[in-house]
Amino acid sequence: MSDHLSIEGYASLFWIRDLNDDVTAAGAFAESLAASAPVKMLHQHDEAEPIGVWDEVVEDAKGLFVRGRILRTTPRGRLVAALVEAGALDGLSIGFRQVKARTQGRLRVLSRVELWEVSIVTFPMLPQARLTLSSGSA
């Protein structure tokens, strides 16, 4: 068994309303990603115990794509990797600070955000934000 589990998926999808009536505009993450600040990998947004590393965090035409490794070298990492492998945990969720947004009806359209972290979660605010095992998994 490898000391990590490779995963990938979309942590955010452009122009799709989430359960909090937020919509992320294409390009919302560009400035934050260009600043090269590391985006943390957390479990359920718990900053006390990072569980791995994101090796790739990029915007593409669809949304915010992430690829990374859950590290089995910590107790929480082992737990999360086991839950992901079993299919019990597959949601992704972003932790961010709003920099620029506008209201459009009931929606908050996020046009620029400072991305802090991408968490592996049970219930993502954006139900379509899901992860899968990537080809580097062992």
N, C-alpha and C. Protein backbone atom coordinates (compact mmCIF):
# COMPACT_ATOMS: atom_id res chain seq x y z
N MET A 1 0.85 -1.19 0.00
CA MET A 1 0.00 0.00 0.00
C MET A 1 0.88 1.24 0.00
N SER A 2 0.53 2.17 -0.82
CA SER A 2 1.27 3.43 -0.94
C SER A 2 1.05 4.29 0.31
N ASP A 3 1.98 5.21 0.55
CA ASP A 3 1.83 6.13 1.68
C ASP A 3 0.90 7.30 1.37
N HIS A 4 0.28 7.25 0.16
CA HIS A 4 -0.68 8.29 -0.19
C HIS A 4 -1.77 7.74 -1.12
N LEU A 5 -2.84 8.50 -1.22
CA LEU A 5 -3.94 8.17 -2.13
C LEU A 5 -4.12 9.35 -3.07
N SER A 6 -3.98 9.13 -4.36
CA SER A 6 -4.10 10.21 -5.35
C SER A 6 -5.55 10.43 -5.73
N ILE A 7 -5.96 11.68 -5.70
CA ILE A 7 -7.34 12.05 -6.01
C ILE A 7 -7.35 13.26 -6.94
N GLU A 8 -8.51 13.48 -7.57
CA GLU A 8 -8.69 14.65 -8.41
C GLU A 8 -10.18 14.94 -8.54
N GLY A 9 -10.48 16.15 -8.94
CA GLY A 9 -11.88 16.50 -9.15
C GLY A 9 -12.06 18.00 -9.27
N TYR A 10 -13.31 18.41 -9.35
CA TYR A 10 -13.65 19.83 -9.43
C TYR A 10 -14.16 20.29 -8.07
N ALA A 11 -13.43 21.26 -7.50
CA ALA A 11 -13.81 21.83 -6.20
C ALA A 11 -14.84 22.93 -6.37
N SER A 12 -14.93 23.48 -7.57
CA SER A 12 -15.92 24.51 -7.89
C SER A 12 -16.22 24.42 -9.38
N LEU A 13 -17.46 24.66 -9.73
CA LEU A 13 -17.88 24.67 -11.13
C LEU A 13 -18.45 26.05 -11.43
N PHE A 14 -18.02 26.61 -12.53
CA PHE A 14 -18.46 27.96 -12.88
C PHE A 14 -19.93 28.00 -13.27
N TRP A 15 -20.60 29.06 -12.85
CA TRP A 15 -21.97 29.40 -13.24
C TRP A 15 -23.01 28.38 -12.79
N ILE A 16 -22.71 27.64 -11.72
CA ILE A 16 -23.69 26.70 -11.15
C ILE A 16 -23.99 27.14 -9.73
N ARG A 17 -25.25 27.34 -9.42
CA ARG A 17 -25.66 27.80 -8.09
C ARG A 17 -25.46 26.71 -7.05
N ASP A 18 -24.86 27.08 -5.92
CA ASP A 18 -24.70 26.11 -4.84
C ASP A 18 -25.87 26.21 -3.86
N LEU A 19 -25.84 25.44 -2.80
CA LEU A 19 -26.94 25.40 -1.84
C LEU A 19 -27.05 26.66 -0.98
N ASN A 20 -26.05 27.53 -1.08
CA ASN A 20 -26.05 28.81 -0.36
C ASN A 20 -26.38 29.97 -1.30
N ASP A 21 -26.85 29.66 -2.51
CA ASP A 21 -27.16 30.66 -3.54
C ASP A 21 -25.94 31.45 -3.99
N ASP A 22 -24.77 30.82 -3.95
CA ASP A 22 -23.56 31.42 -4.50
C ASP A 22 -23.31 30.84 -5.89
N VAL A 23 -22.80 31.68 -6.77
CA VAL A 23 -22.38 31.27 -8.11
C VAL A 23 -20.97 31.80 -8.32
N THR A 24 -20.07 30.95 -8.78
CA THR A 24 -18.70 31.38 -9.03
C THR A 24 -18.53 31.70 -10.51
N ALA A 25 -18.05 32.90 -10.78
CA ALA A 25 -17.81 33.33 -12.16
C ALA A 25 -16.48 32.76 -12.64
N ALA A 26 -16.40 32.49 -13.94
CA ALA A 26 -15.14 32.06 -14.54
C ALA A 26 -14.09 33.13 -14.27
N GLY A 27 -12.91 32.72 -13.88
CA GLY A 27 -11.82 33.65 -13.60
C GLY A 27 -11.76 34.11 -12.16
N ALA A 28 -12.70 33.69 -11.32
CA ALA A 28 -12.76 34.17 -9.94
C ALA A 28 -11.52 33.80 -9.13
N PHE A 29 -10.85 32.71 -9.49
CA PHE A 29 -9.70 32.24 -8.72
C PHE A 29 -8.37 32.68 -9.31
N ALA A 30 -8.37 33.26 -10.49
CA ALA A 30 -7.14 33.54 -11.24
C ALA A 30 -6.11 34.34 -10.45
N GLU A 31 -6.54 35.44 -9.85
CA GLU A 31 -5.60 36.29 -9.12
C GLU A 31 -5.02 35.56 -7.91
N SER A 32 -5.86 34.86 -7.19
CA SER A 32 -5.41 34.12 -6.01
C SER A 32 -4.41 33.03 -6.41
N LEU A 33 -4.70 32.30 -7.47
CA LEU A 33 -3.79 31.23 -7.92
C LEU A 33 -2.47 31.81 -8.43
N ALA A 34 -2.52 32.98 -9.06
CA ALA A 34 -1.31 33.62 -9.58
C ALA A 34 -0.39 34.06 -8.43
N ALA A 35 -0.95 34.31 -7.27
CA ALA A 35 -0.16 34.74 -6.11
C ALA A 35 0.68 33.60 -5.55
N SER A 36 0.44 32.39 -6.01
CA SER A 36 1.21 31.21 -5.64
C SER A 36 1.15 30.84 -4.15
N ALA A 37 0.18 31.34 -3.43
CA ALA A 37 0.02 30.91 -2.04
C ALA A 37 -0.46 29.47 -2.04
N PRO A 38 0.13 28.61 -1.23
CA PRO A 38 -0.29 27.21 -1.25
C PRO A 38 -1.75 27.05 -0.79
N VAL A 39 -2.49 26.24 -1.53
CA VAL A 39 -3.87 25.92 -1.18
C VAL A 39 -3.82 24.66 -0.34
N LYS A 40 -4.35 24.72 0.86
CA LYS A 40 -4.28 23.61 1.81
C LYS A 40 -5.34 22.55 1.50
N MET A 41 -5.01 21.29 1.82
CA MET A 41 -5.97 20.19 1.74
C MET A 41 -6.40 19.86 3.17
N LEU A 42 -7.68 20.05 3.44
CA LEU A 42 -8.23 19.79 4.76
C LEU A 42 -9.36 18.77 4.69
N HIS A 43 -9.75 18.28 5.85
CA HIS A 43 -10.92 17.41 5.97
C HIS A 43 -12.00 18.20 6.70
N GLN A 44 -13.15 18.36 6.09
CA GLN A 44 -14.30 19.07 6.67
C GLN A 44 -13.93 20.49 7.13
N HIS A 45 -13.03 21.15 6.40
CA HIS A 45 -12.61 22.53 6.70
C HIS A 45 -11.92 22.68 8.05
N ASP A 46 -11.37 21.61 8.59
CA ASP A 46 -10.69 21.66 9.89
C ASP A 46 -9.21 22.01 9.68
N GLU A 47 -8.87 23.27 9.98
CA GLU A 47 -7.50 23.73 9.75
C GLU A 47 -6.50 23.14 10.74
N ALA A 48 -6.95 22.47 11.77
CA ALA A 48 -6.05 21.91 12.78
C ALA A 48 -5.28 20.69 12.27
N GLU A 49 -5.84 19.99 11.27
CA GLU A 49 -5.19 18.77 10.79
C GLU A 49 -5.22 18.66 9.27
N PRO A 50 -4.25 19.28 8.59
CA PRO A 50 -4.17 19.07 7.13
C PRO A 50 -4.01 17.57 6.85
N ILE A 51 -4.59 17.11 5.74
CA ILE A 51 -4.57 15.67 5.47
C ILE A 51 -3.78 15.30 4.22
N GLY A 52 -3.25 16.29 3.52
CA GLY A 52 -2.50 16.00 2.31
C GLY A 52 -2.07 17.26 1.63
N VAL A 53 -1.78 17.13 0.34
CA VAL A 53 -1.32 18.28 -0.45
C VAL A 53 -2.02 18.29 -1.80
N TRP A 54 -2.30 19.48 -2.26
CA TRP A 54 -2.81 19.65 -3.62
C TRP A 54 -1.60 19.92 -4.51
N ASP A 55 -1.35 19.03 -5.46
CA ASP A 55 -0.23 19.18 -6.38
C ASP A 55 -0.59 20.07 -7.56
N GLU A 56 -1.87 20.16 -7.85
CA GLU A 56 -2.34 20.97 -8.98
C GLU A 56 -3.67 21.61 -8.60
N VAL A 57 -3.74 22.92 -8.76
CA VAL A 57 -4.97 23.68 -8.53
C VAL A 57 -5.05 24.67 -9.68
N VAL A 58 -5.97 24.45 -10.61
CA VAL A 58 -6.04 25.28 -11.81
C VAL A 58 -7.49 25.57 -12.21
N GLU A 59 -7.67 26.70 -12.80
CA GLU A 59 -8.95 27.01 -13.44
C GLU A 59 -8.89 26.51 -14.87
N ASP A 60 -9.96 25.86 -15.30
CA ASP A 60 -10.09 25.54 -16.71
C ASP A 60 -11.46 26.05 -17.16
N ALA A 61 -11.91 25.65 -18.32
CA ALA A 61 -13.18 26.18 -18.85
C ALA A 61 -14.37 25.75 -17.98
N LYS A 62 -14.25 24.67 -17.24
CA LYS A 62 -15.36 24.12 -16.46
C LYS A 62 -15.41 24.65 -15.02
N GLY A 63 -14.24 24.85 -14.42
CA GLY A 63 -14.23 25.28 -13.03
C GLY A 63 -12.84 25.19 -12.42
N LEU A 64 -12.82 24.96 -11.10
CA LEU A 64 -11.56 24.86 -10.37
C LEU A 64 -11.22 23.37 -10.22
N PHE A 65 -10.21 22.94 -10.96
CA PHE A 65 -9.78 21.55 -10.97
C PHE A 65 -8.64 21.37 -9.97
N VAL A 66 -8.70 20.29 -9.18
CA VAL A 66 -7.65 20.00 -8.21
C VAL A 66 -7.19 18.55 -8.38
N ARG A 67 -5.90 18.36 -8.15
CA ARG A 67 -5.32 17.01 -8.14
C ARG A 67 -4.33 16.99 -6.98
N GLY A 68 -4.40 15.95 -6.16
CA GLY A 68 -3.50 15.90 -5.02
C GLY A 68 -3.40 14.54 -4.40
N ARG A 69 -2.76 14.52 -3.20
CA ARG A 69 -2.49 13.27 -2.50
C ARG A 69 -2.93 13.37 -1.05
N ILE A 70 -3.79 12.45 -0.64
CA ILE A 70 -4.13 12.31 0.77
C ILE A 70 -2.98 11.50 1.38
N LEU A 71 -2.36 12.02 2.43
CA LEU A 71 -1.21 11.36 3.03
C LEU A 71 -1.65 10.42 4.15
N ARG A 72 -1.23 9.16 4.02
CA ARG A 72 -1.58 8.16 5.03
C ARG A 72 -0.63 8.20 6.23
N THR A 73 0.25 9.17 6.28
CA THR A 73 1.24 9.25 7.36
C THR A 73 0.69 9.89 8.63
N THR A 74 -0.56 10.35 8.58
CA THR A 74 -1.20 10.89 9.78
C THR A 74 -2.48 10.09 10.05
N PRO A 75 -2.92 10.03 11.30
CA PRO A 75 -4.16 9.29 11.59
C PRO A 75 -5.35 9.80 10.80
N ARG A 76 -5.52 11.12 10.70
CA ARG A 76 -6.66 11.67 9.96
C ARG A 76 -6.53 11.34 8.47
N GLY A 77 -5.32 11.41 7.94
CA GLY A 77 -5.10 11.07 6.53
C GLY A 77 -5.46 9.63 6.24
N ARG A 78 -5.07 8.71 7.14
CA ARG A 78 -5.43 7.30 6.95
C ARG A 78 -6.93 7.10 6.96
N LEU A 79 -7.61 7.77 7.90
CA LEU A 79 -9.06 7.67 7.99
C LEU A 79 -9.73 8.19 6.72
N VAL A 80 -9.34 9.39 6.27
CA VAL A 80 -9.96 9.98 5.09
C VAL A 80 -9.67 9.13 3.85
N ALA A 81 -8.44 8.65 3.69
CA ALA A 81 -8.11 7.80 2.54
C ALA A 81 -8.99 6.54 2.53
N ALA A 82 -9.16 5.92 3.69
CA ALA A 82 -10.00 4.72 3.77
C ALA A 82 -11.44 5.03 3.41
N LEU A 83 -11.95 6.16 3.88
CA LEU A 83 -13.34 6.54 3.57
C LEU A 83 -13.51 6.86 2.09
N VAL A 84 -12.53 7.51 1.49
CA VAL A 84 -12.58 7.81 0.06
C VAL A 84 -12.54 6.51 -0.74
N GLU A 85 -11.64 5.62 -0.39
CA GLU A 85 -11.53 4.33 -1.11
C GLU A 85 -12.81 3.51 -0.99
N ALA A 86 -13.48 3.60 0.14
CA ALA A 86 -14.72 2.85 0.35
C ALA A 86 -15.93 3.50 -0.32
N GLY A 87 -15.75 4.73 -0.81
CA GLY A 87 -16.86 5.43 -1.45
C GLY A 87 -17.75 6.18 -0.47
N ALA A 88 -17.33 6.27 0.78
CA ALA A 88 -18.13 6.95 1.81
C ALA A 88 -17.91 8.45 1.83
N LEU A 89 -16.85 8.92 1.20
CA LEU A 89 -16.49 10.34 1.23
C LEU A 89 -16.02 10.72 -0.16
N ASP A 90 -16.72 11.67 -0.80
CA ASP A 90 -16.33 12.05 -2.16
C ASP A 90 -16.64 13.50 -2.51
N GLY A 91 -16.97 14.32 -1.52
CA GLY A 91 -17.28 15.72 -1.79
C GLY A 91 -16.08 16.62 -1.68
N LEU A 92 -16.10 17.73 -2.42
CA LEU A 92 -15.07 18.76 -2.33
C LEU A 92 -15.75 20.09 -2.01
N SER A 93 -15.06 20.92 -1.25
CA SER A 93 -15.60 22.21 -0.85
C SER A 93 -14.47 23.20 -0.69
N ILE A 94 -14.71 24.43 -1.10
CA ILE A 94 -13.66 25.45 -1.04
C ILE A 94 -13.82 26.34 0.20
N GLY A 95 -12.68 26.74 0.74
CA GLY A 95 -12.63 27.73 1.81
C GLY A 95 -11.99 28.97 1.21
N PHE A 96 -12.67 30.10 1.31
CA PHE A 96 -12.20 31.29 0.61
C PHE A 96 -12.64 32.55 1.33
N ARG A 97 -12.07 33.68 0.89
CA ARG A 97 -12.52 35.00 1.31
C ARG A 97 -13.02 35.71 0.07
N GLN A 98 -14.21 36.27 0.16
CA GLN A 98 -14.77 37.04 -0.95
C GLN A 98 -13.97 38.33 -1.13
N VAL A 99 -13.52 38.58 -2.35
CA VAL A 99 -12.83 39.82 -2.67
C VAL A 99 -13.76 40.74 -3.46
N LYS A 100 -14.45 40.16 -4.44
CA LYS A 100 -15.36 40.95 -5.26
C LYS A 100 -16.56 40.09 -5.64
N ALA A 101 -17.76 40.64 -5.40
CA ALA A 101 -18.99 39.90 -5.72
C ALA A 101 -20.10 40.91 -6.00
N ARG A 102 -21.13 40.43 -6.65
CA ARG A 102 -22.31 41.26 -6.89
C ARG A 102 -23.55 40.42 -6.60
N THR A 103 -24.63 41.10 -6.30
CA THR A 103 -25.89 40.42 -6.06
C THR A 103 -26.69 40.44 -7.35
N GLN A 104 -27.25 39.31 -7.68
CA GLN A 104 -28.08 39.18 -8.88
C GLN A 104 -29.33 38.40 -8.45
N GLY A 105 -30.38 39.14 -8.12
CA GLY A 105 -31.57 38.49 -7.56
C GLY A 105 -31.20 37.94 -6.19
N ARG A 106 -31.48 36.64 -5.97
CA ARG A 106 -31.09 36.02 -4.70
C ARG A 106 -29.66 35.50 -4.71
N LEU A 107 -29.02 35.55 -5.86
CA LEU A 107 -27.69 34.97 -6.00
C LEU A 107 -26.58 35.95 -5.63
N ARG A 108 -25.50 35.41 -5.06
CA ARG A 108 -24.26 36.16 -4.89
C ARG A 108 -23.32 35.62 -5.95
N VAL A 109 -22.93 36.46 -6.88
CA VAL A 109 -22.01 36.06 -7.95
C VAL A 109 -20.60 36.45 -7.53
N LEU A 110 -19.79 35.45 -7.29
CA LEU A 110 -18.40 35.67 -6.86
C LEU A 110 -17.52 35.86 -8.08
N SER A 111 -16.98 37.06 -8.24
CA SER A 111 -16.13 37.31 -9.41
C SER A 111 -14.65 37.30 -9.06
N ARG A 112 -14.33 37.43 -7.77
CA ARG A 112 -12.93 37.31 -7.35
C ARG A 112 -12.90 36.84 -5.90
N VAL A 113 -12.16 35.77 -5.66
CA VAL A 113 -12.03 35.23 -4.31
C VAL A 113 -10.57 34.93 -4.01
N GLU A 114 -10.25 34.95 -2.74
CA GLU A 114 -8.94 34.52 -2.27
C GLU A 114 -9.14 33.10 -1.76
N LEU A 115 -8.57 32.14 -2.49
CA LEU A 115 -8.74 30.73 -2.16
C LEU A 115 -7.76 30.32 -1.08
N TRP A 116 -8.27 29.79 0.03
CA TRP A 116 -7.43 29.37 1.15
C TRP A 116 -7.21 27.86 1.15
N GLU A 117 -8.29 27.13 0.93
CA GLU A 117 -8.19 25.68 1.07
C GLU A 117 -9.28 24.98 0.27
N VAL A 118 -9.03 23.72 -0.03
CA VAL A 118 -10.04 22.83 -0.62
C VAL A 118 -10.13 21.63 0.30
N SER A 119 -11.34 21.40 0.81
CA SER A 119 -11.57 20.31 1.77
C SER A 119 -12.26 19.13 1.12
N ILE A 120 -11.97 17.97 1.67
CA ILE A 120 -12.72 16.76 1.36
C ILE A 120 -13.83 16.71 2.40
N VAL A 121 -15.07 16.69 1.93
CA VAL A 121 -16.22 16.82 2.83
C VAL A 121 -17.29 15.76 2.55
N THR A 122 -18.15 15.58 3.52
CA THR A 122 -19.28 14.67 3.39
C THR A 122 -20.37 15.28 2.52
N PHE A 123 -20.72 16.54 2.82
CA PHE A 123 -21.80 17.22 2.10
C PHE A 123 -21.29 18.53 1.52
N PRO A 124 -20.91 18.55 0.24
CA PRO A 124 -20.42 19.79 -0.37
C PRO A 124 -21.56 20.79 -0.59
N MET A 125 -21.25 22.07 -0.42
CA MET A 125 -22.22 23.13 -0.67
C MET A 125 -22.64 23.11 -2.15
N LEU A 126 -21.72 22.75 -3.01
CA LEU A 126 -22.02 22.57 -4.44
C LEU A 126 -22.08 21.05 -4.67
N PRO A 127 -23.29 20.47 -4.75
CA PRO A 127 -23.40 19.00 -4.82
C PRO A 127 -22.62 18.35 -5.95
N GLN A 128 -22.34 19.08 -7.03
CA GLN A 128 -21.60 18.51 -8.16
C GLN A 128 -20.08 18.52 -7.93
N ALA A 129 -19.60 19.13 -6.86
CA ALA A 129 -18.16 19.19 -6.59
C ALA A 129 -17.72 17.88 -5.95
N ARG A 130 -17.19 17.00 -6.76
CA ARG A 130 -16.85 15.64 -6.32
C ARG A 130 -15.42 15.27 -6.72
N LEU A 131 -14.88 14.32 -5.99
CA LEU A 131 -13.55 13.82 -6.30
C LEU A 131 -13.64 12.38 -6.79
N THR A 132 -12.60 11.97 -7.46
CA THR A 132 -12.44 10.57 -7.88
C THR A 132 -11.00 10.18 -7.61
N LEU A 133 -10.75 8.89 -7.61
CA LEU A 133 -9.37 8.43 -7.51
C LEU A 133 -8.69 8.75 -8.84
N SER A 134 -7.45 9.20 -8.77
CA SER A 134 -6.74 9.48 -10.02
C SER A 134 -5.78 8.33 -10.32
N SER A 135 -5.25 8.31 -11.50
CA SER A 135 -4.46 7.18 -11.96
C SER A 135 -3.22 6.93 -11.13
N GLY A 136 -2.77 7.92 -10.35
CA GLY A 136 -1.59 7.73 -9.51
C GLY A 136 -1.88 7.01 -8.22
N SER A 137 -3.12 6.57 -8.00
CA SER A 137 -3.47 5.91 -6.73
C SER A 137 -2.89 4.52 -6.65
N ALA A 138 -2.52 4.16 -5.43
CA ALA A 138 -2.00 2.80 -5.22
C ALA A 138 -2.71 2.17 -4.05
